[in-house]
Amino acid sequence: MEMPDFIDVFGPDPTGGLREMRNLDIALRMIREAIEDCAPPGAVPSREYMMPEPWLEAEALVRGIYTIAYGKPGNE
């Protein structure tokens, strides 16, 4: 799968991209809080150990959701 061009994703205004990344980070933090409230301890890796890439954070959150739904970690 080919990654879209920066301009295609964020438009010609680079500050718009920064705003979108900030909004994405805020949304992921809110989702993380909700998952941590429902999931057993350790189901979602601590944010301090995550890389800043949002797709890695999203992957960890999906594993937490999987743990809530199926009672076992999503990486098994």
C-alpha atoms as a PDB file:
ATOM      1  CA  MET A   1       0.000   0.000   0.000  1.00  0.00           C
ATOM      2  CA  GLU A   2       1.432   3.328  -1.042  1.00  0.00           C
ATOM      3  CA  MET A   3       1.446   6.183   1.445  1.00  0.00           C
ATOM      4  CA  PRO A   4      -0.435   9.293   0.284  1.00  0.00           C
ATOM      5  CA  ASP A   5       1.486  12.446  -0.467  1.00  0.00           C
ATOM      6  CA  PHE A   6       1.798  14.949   2.395  1.00  0.00           C
ATOM      7  CA  ILE A   7      -0.079  17.625   0.428  1.00  0.00           C
ATOM      8  CA  ASP A   8      -2.903  15.166  -0.348  1.00  0.00           C
ATOM      9  CA  VAL A   9      -3.343  14.404   3.341  1.00  0.00           C
ATOM     10  CA  PHE A  10      -2.743  17.744   5.021  1.00  0.00           C
ATOM     11  CA  GLY A  11      -3.335  20.251   2.219  1.00  0.00           C
ATOM     12  CA  PRO A  12      -1.019  23.053   1.170  1.00  0.00           C
ATOM     13  CA  ASP A  13      -1.002  24.628   4.663  1.00  0.00           C
ATOM     14  CA  PRO A  14       1.606  22.840   6.807  1.00  0.00           C
ATOM     15  CA  THR A  15       0.180  24.305  10.018  1.00  0.00           C
ATOM     16  CA  GLY A  16      -3.076  22.530   9.207  1.00  0.00           C
ATOM     17  CA  GLY A  17      -1.154  19.260   9.371  1.00  0.00           C
ATOM     18  CA  LEU A  18       0.278  20.147  12.751  1.00  0.00           C
ATOM     19  CA  ARG A  19      -3.205  20.980  13.993  1.00  0.00           C
ATOM     20  CA  GLU A  20      -4.495  17.639  12.707  1.00  0.00           C
ATOM     21  CA  MET A  21      -1.654  15.766  14.412  1.00  0.00           C
ATOM     22  CA  ARG A  22      -2.390  17.562  17.682  1.00  0.00           C
ATOM     23  CA  ASN A  23      -6.078  16.690  17.381  1.00  0.00           C
ATOM     24  CA  LEU A  24      -5.170  13.072  16.622  1.00  0.00           C
ATOM     25  CA  ASP A  25      -2.966  12.922  19.715  1.00  0.00           C
ATOM     26  CA  ILE A  26      -5.755  14.364  21.869  1.00  0.00           C
ATOM     27  CA  ALA A  27      -8.241  11.840  20.472  1.00  0.00           C
ATOM     28  CA  LEU A  28      -5.880   8.916  21.073  1.00  0.00           C
ATOM     29  CA  ARG A  29      -5.308  10.089  24.655  1.00  0.00           C
ATOM     30  CA  MET A  30      -9.064  10.222  25.279  1.00  0.00           C
ATOM     31  CA  ILE A  31      -9.539   6.745  23.797  1.00  0.00           C
ATOM     32  CA  ARG A  32      -6.627   5.462  25.897  1.00  0.00           C
ATOM     33  CA  GLU A  33      -8.218   6.813  29.093  1.00  0.00           C
ATOM     34  CA  ALA A  34     -11.508   5.058  28.299  1.00  0.00           C
ATOM     35  CA  ILE A  35      -9.765   1.761  27.546  1.00  0.00           C
ATOM     36  CA  GLU A  36      -7.610   1.965  30.674  1.00  0.00           C
ATOM     37  CA  ASP A  37     -10.777   2.494  32.742  1.00  0.00           C
ATOM     38  CA  CYS A  38     -12.288  -0.751  31.389  1.00  0.00           C
ATOM     39  CA  ALA A  39      -9.321  -3.020  30.692  1.00  0.00           C
ATOM     40  CA  PRO A  40      -7.408  -5.031  33.287  1.00  0.00           C
ATOM     41  CA  PRO A  41      -4.075  -3.580  34.445  1.00  0.00           C
ATOM     42  CA  GLY A  42      -1.334  -4.069  31.882  1.00  0.00           C
ATOM     43  CA  ALA A  43      -3.703  -4.591  28.943  1.00  0.00           C
ATOM     44  CA  VAL A  44      -2.476  -1.370  27.352  1.00  0.00           C
ATOM     45  CA  PRO A  45       1.257  -0.582  27.496  1.00  0.00           C
ATOM     46  CA  SER A  46       2.120   2.552  29.414  1.00  0.00           C
ATOM     47  CA  ARG A  47       2.192   5.622  27.189  1.00  0.00           C
ATOM     48  CA  GLU A  48       5.765   6.337  28.306  1.00  0.00           C
ATOM     49  CA  TYR A  49       6.909   3.197  26.474  1.00  0.00           C
ATOM     50  CA  MET A  50       5.108   4.020  23.234  1.00  0.00           C
ATOM     51  CA  MET A  51       6.742   5.616  20.253  1.00  0.00           C
ATOM     52  CA  PRO A  52       5.293   8.934  19.103  1.00  0.00           C
ATOM     53  CA  GLU A  53       3.928   7.426  15.886  1.00  0.00           C
ATOM     54  CA  PRO A  54       0.121   7.429  16.118  1.00  0.00           C
ATOM     55  CA  TRP A  55      -0.272   4.056  14.386  1.00  0.00           C
ATOM     56  CA  LEU A  56       1.783   2.379  17.128  1.00  0.00           C
ATOM     57  CA  GLU A  57      -0.380   4.012  19.774  1.00  0.00           C
ATOM     58  CA  ALA A  58      -3.519   2.918  17.892  1.00  0.00           C
ATOM     59  CA  GLU A  59      -2.204  -0.648  17.694  1.00  0.00           C
ATOM     60  CA  ALA A  60      -1.704  -0.728  21.464  1.00  0.00           C
ATOM     61  CA  LEU A  61      -5.213   0.617  21.977  1.00  0.00           C
ATOM     62  CA  VAL A  62      -6.696  -2.052  19.719  1.00  0.00           C
ATOM     63  CA  ARG A  63      -4.932  -4.695  21.797  1.00  0.00           C
ATOM     64  CA  GLY A  64      -6.527  -3.196  24.905  1.00  0.00           C
ATOM     65  CA  ILE A  65      -9.968  -3.309  23.273  1.00  0.00           C
ATOM     66  CA  TYR A  66      -9.343  -6.932  22.271  1.00  0.00           C
ATOM     67  CA  THR A  67      -8.457  -7.729  25.880  1.00  0.00           C
ATOM     68  CA  ILE A  68     -11.693  -6.150  27.091  1.00  0.00           C
ATOM     69  CA  ALA A  69     -13.774  -8.028  24.515  1.00  0.00           C
ATOM     70  CA  TYR A  70     -12.130 -11.459  24.684  1.00  0.00           C
ATOM     71  CA  GLY A  71     -10.405 -11.516  28.066  1.00  0.00           C
ATOM     72  CA  LYS A  72      -6.957 -12.137  26.637  1.00  0.00           C
ATOM     73  CA  PRO A  73      -4.267  -9.919  25.114  1.00  0.00           C
ATOM     74  CA  GLY A  74      -4.699  -9.120  21.446  1.00  0.00           C
ATOM     75  CA  ASN A  75      -1.181 -10.197  20.529  1.00  0.00           C
ATOM     76  CA  GLU A  76      -1.808 -13.876  21.239  1.00  0.00           C
END
